[in-house]
């Protein structure tokens, strides 16, 4: 089934607006100029703008003036701060919607790390910044997690905080493997209307102080809204060995 023209236009505009070059609060050009730029009709443009409004990319004011609202969040890969705390510390409103949280057959990785025959719990959730869905995540967790944490607990709360509170588990380290590619149909659908054609995928293995692995997750990220950074060597101006 073909994608409606207004959804294609909305994706293109979201990509152009939210790469960090356009500051929040910036007004878009008038409708007539946008129609000329994108070579589209008024109805197609208005439906695209309405979709962007619903996703939190823009807001529509009086006289149908469109204003940019979305911001880009950049997170170091080495930072283990939870999503909500990291976003709020930067003045961005986070939201987490749990799609599913239930016992699963697991994968070869869960057999290796959680034990053959163990029944891991699979968490699927969407994560938003200022109403814009920026991450779709699938995570597999040890069987003990399902005994003390419910789906309702995970709504708009930190998994890491709950693991510490309910089980005394504090994540001490993680390995993230990052790649990029086209979105699979199920991943694009998980983001909702105008889901991304391309995502950055971050596969995480997180462990406790004793080396026990307690998190295996795949996060699919919209790069125009949420980015990862990694640093090597000595920071500019820092003394070697400091």
Protein backbone atom coordinates (compact mmCIF):
# COMPACT_ATOMS: atom_id res chain seq x y z
CA UNK A 1 0.00 0.00 0.00
CA UNK A 2 1.42 3.37 -1.03
CA UNK A 3 2.10 6.08 1.54
CA UNK A 4 -0.20 9.12 1.23
CA UNK A 5 1.48 12.19 -0.24
CA UNK A 6 0.86 14.29 2.88
CA UNK A 7 2.66 11.70 5.08
CA UNK A 8 5.65 11.70 2.73
CA UNK A 9 5.69 15.50 2.88
CA UNK A 10 5.43 15.47 6.68
CA UNK A 11 8.43 13.11 6.93
CA UNK A 12 10.49 15.32 4.65
CA UNK A 13 9.61 18.47 6.57
CA UNK A 14 10.29 16.84 9.95
CA UNK A 15 13.72 15.75 8.75
CA UNK A 16 14.55 19.24 7.46
CA UNK A 17 13.25 21.06 10.55
CA UNK A 18 14.62 18.94 13.35
CA UNK A 19 18.26 18.39 12.48
CA UNK A 20 19.36 21.10 14.91
CA UNK A 21 19.75 23.89 12.36
CA UNK A 22 16.30 25.40 13.01
CA UNK A 23 15.78 26.67 16.55
CA UNK A 24 12.53 26.04 18.45
CA UNK A 25 10.22 29.05 18.15
CA UNK A 26 11.15 29.73 14.52
CA UNK A 27 8.18 30.55 12.28
CA UNK A 28 7.83 28.64 9.02
CA UNK A 29 7.26 30.56 5.76
CA UNK A 30 3.63 31.31 4.79
CA UNK A 31 1.52 28.56 3.23
CA UNK A 32 1.87 29.95 -0.30
CA UNK A 33 5.67 29.83 -0.11
CA UNK A 34 5.61 26.30 1.34
CA UNK A 35 3.31 25.16 -1.46
CA UNK A 36 5.74 26.56 -4.01
CA UNK A 37 8.76 25.04 -2.31
CA UNK A 38 7.29 21.54 -2.07
CA UNK A 39 5.20 21.79 -5.25
CA UNK A 40 2.06 20.59 -3.52
CA UNK A 41 -1.55 21.67 -3.13
CA UNK A 42 -3.02 23.51 -0.14
CA UNK A 43 -4.91 20.46 1.13
CA UNK A 44 -1.79 18.24 1.05
CA UNK A 45 0.26 20.89 2.85
CA UNK A 46 -2.36 21.46 5.55
CA UNK A 47 -2.72 17.75 6.22
CA UNK A 48 1.08 17.45 6.50
CA UNK A 49 1.21 20.40 8.90
CA UNK A 50 -1.61 18.91 10.98
CA UNK A 51 0.31 15.65 11.25
CA UNK A 52 3.46 17.50 12.32
CA UNK A 53 1.39 19.38 14.90
CA UNK A 54 -0.05 16.14 16.29
CA UNK A 55 3.47 14.71 16.61
CA UNK A 56 4.77 17.80 18.42
CA UNK A 57 7.14 18.95 15.68
CA UNK A 58 5.31 22.26 15.17
CA UNK A 59 2.48 24.27 16.65
CA UNK A 60 -0.15 26.12 14.66
CA UNK A 61 -1.06 29.62 15.85
CA UNK A 62 -3.54 32.23 14.71
CA UNK A 63 -3.72 32.70 10.97
CA UNK A 64 -2.30 29.17 10.54
CA UNK A 65 1.22 30.37 11.37
CA UNK A 66 3.37 27.25 11.90
CA UNK A 67 6.13 27.43 14.51
CA UNK A 68 8.89 24.89 15.21
CA UNK A 69 8.68 23.24 18.64
CA UNK A 70 10.82 20.08 18.43
CA UNK A 71 14.33 19.96 19.89
CA UNK A 72 17.19 17.52 19.41
CA UNK A 73 18.63 15.68 22.42
CA UNK A 74 22.25 14.49 22.26
CA UNK A 75 23.32 11.78 24.72
CA UNK A 76 26.83 10.35 25.22
CA UNK A 77 26.88 6.57 24.75
CA UNK A 78 28.87 6.23 27.97
CA UNK A 79 26.16 7.97 30.03
CA UNK A 80 23.98 5.51 31.99
CA UNK A 81 21.48 8.17 33.11
CA UNK A 82 17.90 7.11 32.49
CA UNK A 83 15.93 8.66 29.62
CA UNK A 84 13.56 10.72 31.78
CA UNK A 85 16.22 12.21 34.08
CA UNK A 86 18.52 13.03 31.15
CA UNK A 87 15.76 14.82 29.23
CA UNK A 88 14.35 16.77 32.19
CA UNK A 89 17.84 17.98 33.14
CA UNK A 90 17.93 19.66 29.72
CA UNK A 91 14.49 21.26 29.94
CA UNK A 92 12.78 18.74 27.65
CA UNK A 93 9.57 16.96 28.64
CA UNK A 94 9.90 13.15 28.28
CA UNK A 95 7.12 10.56 27.99
CA UNK A 96 7.16 6.76 27.89
CA UNK A 97 4.26 4.68 26.56
CA UNK A 98 4.47 0.94 27.21
CA UNK A 99 3.20 -1.11 24.27
CA UNK A 100 3.65 -4.51 25.93
CA UNK A 101 5.36 -6.12 28.91
CA UNK A 102 5.00 -9.89 29.16
CA UNK A 103 6.78 -13.21 29.51
CA UNK A 104 8.52 -14.24 26.28
CA UNK A 105 10.17 -17.26 24.66
CA UNK A 106 13.30 -15.14 24.42
CA UNK A 107 16.22 -15.42 22.04
CA UNK A 108 19.56 -17.20 21.83
CA UNK A 109 21.09 -14.25 23.71
CA UNK A 110 18.61 -14.59 26.58
CA UNK A 111 19.44 -18.32 26.81
CA UNK A 112 23.14 -17.45 27.06
CA UNK A 113 22.82 -14.65 29.62
CA UNK A 114 19.66 -15.55 31.60
CA UNK A 115 19.95 -19.34 31.42
CA UNK A 116 18.56 -22.00 29.09
CA UNK A 117 14.91 -22.59 29.94
CA UNK A 118 14.53 -19.26 31.74
CA UNK A 119 11.44 -17.27 30.72
CA UNK A 120 12.56 -13.67 30.20
CA UNK A 121 10.26 -10.66 30.16
CA UNK A 122 10.00 -8.64 26.97
CA UNK A 123 9.37 -4.90 27.18
CA UNK A 124 8.23 -2.88 24.17
CA UNK A 125 7.84 0.88 24.57
CA UNK A 126 7.79 4.22 22.75
CA UNK A 127 9.70 7.20 24.14
CA UNK A 128 8.89 10.81 23.33
CA UNK A 129 10.50 14.22 23.79
CA UNK A 130 8.12 17.19 23.87
CA UNK A 131 5.39 14.89 22.44
CA UNK A 132 7.55 13.73 19.50
CA UNK A 133 8.16 9.96 19.49
CA UNK A 134 11.94 9.60 19.10
CA UNK A 135 12.73 6.05 20.27
CA UNK A 136 11.10 2.65 19.91
CA UNK A 137 12.68 0.08 22.22
CA UNK A 138 12.53 -3.68 22.71
CA UNK A 139 14.21 -5.06 25.83
CA UNK A 140 14.60 -8.52 27.33
CA UNK A 141 14.95 -8.76 31.11
CA UNK A 142 15.58 -11.65 33.56
CA UNK A 143 12.56 -13.62 34.94
CA UNK A 144 12.83 -11.97 38.38
CA UNK A 145 11.85 -8.62 36.88
CA UNK A 146 8.34 -9.79 36.01
CA UNK A 147 7.78 -10.83 39.62
CA UNK A 148 8.24 -7.34 41.06
CA UNK A 149 7.54 -4.88 38.22
CA UNK A 150 4.26 -4.45 36.34
CA UNK A 151 3.41 -2.79 33.05
CA UNK A 152 1.78 0.07 34.93
CA UNK A 153 4.97 0.67 36.93
CA UNK A 154 6.90 1.26 33.71
CA UNK A 155 4.61 3.97 32.35
CA UNK A 156 6.57 7.25 32.49
CA UNK A 157 9.11 5.82 34.93
CA UNK A 158 12.73 4.69 34.71
CA UNK A 159 13.42 0.98 34.33
CA UNK A 160 16.81 1.46 35.98
CA UNK A 161 15.24 3.20 38.98
CA UNK A 162 12.69 0.40 39.37
CA UNK A 163 15.36 -2.30 39.13
CA UNK A 164 17.28 -0.57 41.93
CA UNK A 165 14.18 0.00 44.07
CA UNK A 166 12.59 -3.46 43.71
CA UNK A 167 15.60 -5.76 43.26
CA UNK A 168 18.60 -3.76 44.47
CA UNK A 169 20.09 -3.97 40.96
CA UNK A 170 22.26 -1.01 39.97
CA UNK A 171 23.56 -1.01 36.42
CA UNK A 172 27.34 -0.63 36.54
CA UNK A 173 28.23 -0.84 32.88
CA UNK A 174 26.91 -1.33 29.37
CA UNK A 175 28.10 -2.09 25.87
CA UNK A 176 26.30 -0.29 23.04
CA UNK A 177 26.61 -1.37 19.41
CA UNK A 178 25.32 1.29 17.02
CA UNK A 179 24.30 0.89 13.39
CA UNK A 180 22.02 2.64 10.90
CA UNK A 181 19.65 1.42 8.22
CA UNK A 182 16.17 1.51 6.75
CA UNK A 183 13.25 0.91 9.10
CA UNK A 184 11.53 -2.45 8.99
CA UNK A 185 7.76 -2.17 8.56
CA UNK A 186 7.03 -3.12 12.19
CA UNK A 187 9.54 -0.57 13.51
CA UNK A 188 8.14 2.22 11.31
CA UNK A 189 4.60 1.37 12.43
CA UNK A 190 5.63 1.45 16.10
CA UNK A 191 6.52 5.14 15.73
CA UNK A 192 3.01 5.95 14.49
CA UNK A 193 1.99 8.06 11.47
CA UNK A 194 4.91 9.42 9.45
CA UNK A 195 7.31 6.93 11.02
CA UNK A 196 10.95 7.29 9.92
CA UNK A 197 12.33 5.61 6.81
CA UNK A 198 15.81 5.47 8.39
CA UNK A 199 16.73 4.81 12.02
CA UNK A 200 19.82 4.48 14.16
CA UNK A 201 19.81 1.20 16.07
CA UNK A 202 21.57 0.91 19.44
CA UNK A 203 21.88 -2.62 20.84
CA UNK A 204 22.69 -2.58 24.55
CA UNK A 205 23.98 -5.22 26.94
CA UNK A 206 23.87 -3.92 30.53
CA UNK A 207 25.38 -5.59 33.59
CA UNK A 208 25.67 -5.35 37.37
CA UNK A 209 28.82 -4.97 39.48
CA UNK A 210 29.26 -8.77 39.61
CA UNK A 211 29.16 -8.96 35.81
CA UNK A 212 25.67 -10.44 35.59
CA UNK A 213 23.85 -9.27 32.45
CA UNK A 214 20.36 -7.96 33.29
CA UNK A 215 19.45 -6.00 30.15
CA UNK A 216 19.45 -6.90 26.46
CA UNK A 217 17.82 -4.16 24.44
CA UNK A 218 17.41 -2.83 20.91
CA UNK A 219 16.58 0.88 20.61
CA UNK A 220 15.47 2.32 17.26
CA UNK A 221 16.14 6.04 17.21
CA UNK A 222 15.04 8.92 14.98
CA UNK A 223 18.40 10.63 14.33
CA UNK A 224 16.83 14.01 13.61
CA UNK A 225 15.52 14.21 17.20
CA UNK A 226 17.79 12.03 19.36
CA UNK A 227 21.51 11.49 18.82
CA UNK A 228 24.40 9.64 20.42
CA UNK A 229 27.96 10.89 20.81
CA UNK A 230 31.19 9.10 21.64
CA UNK A 231 34.55 10.63 22.63
CA UNK A 232 38.07 9.31 22.37
CA UNK A 233 41.42 10.74 23.40
CA UNK A 234 41.96 13.80 25.56
CA UNK A 235 39.45 16.65 25.54
CA UNK A 236 40.76 19.94 24.11
CA UNK A 237 42.51 21.95 26.84
CA UNK A 238 42.71 19.04 29.26
CA UNK A 239 46.05 18.01 30.69
CA UNK A 240 47.16 14.50 29.80
CA UNK A 241 46.96 12.27 32.87
CA UNK A 242 44.65 14.65 34.74
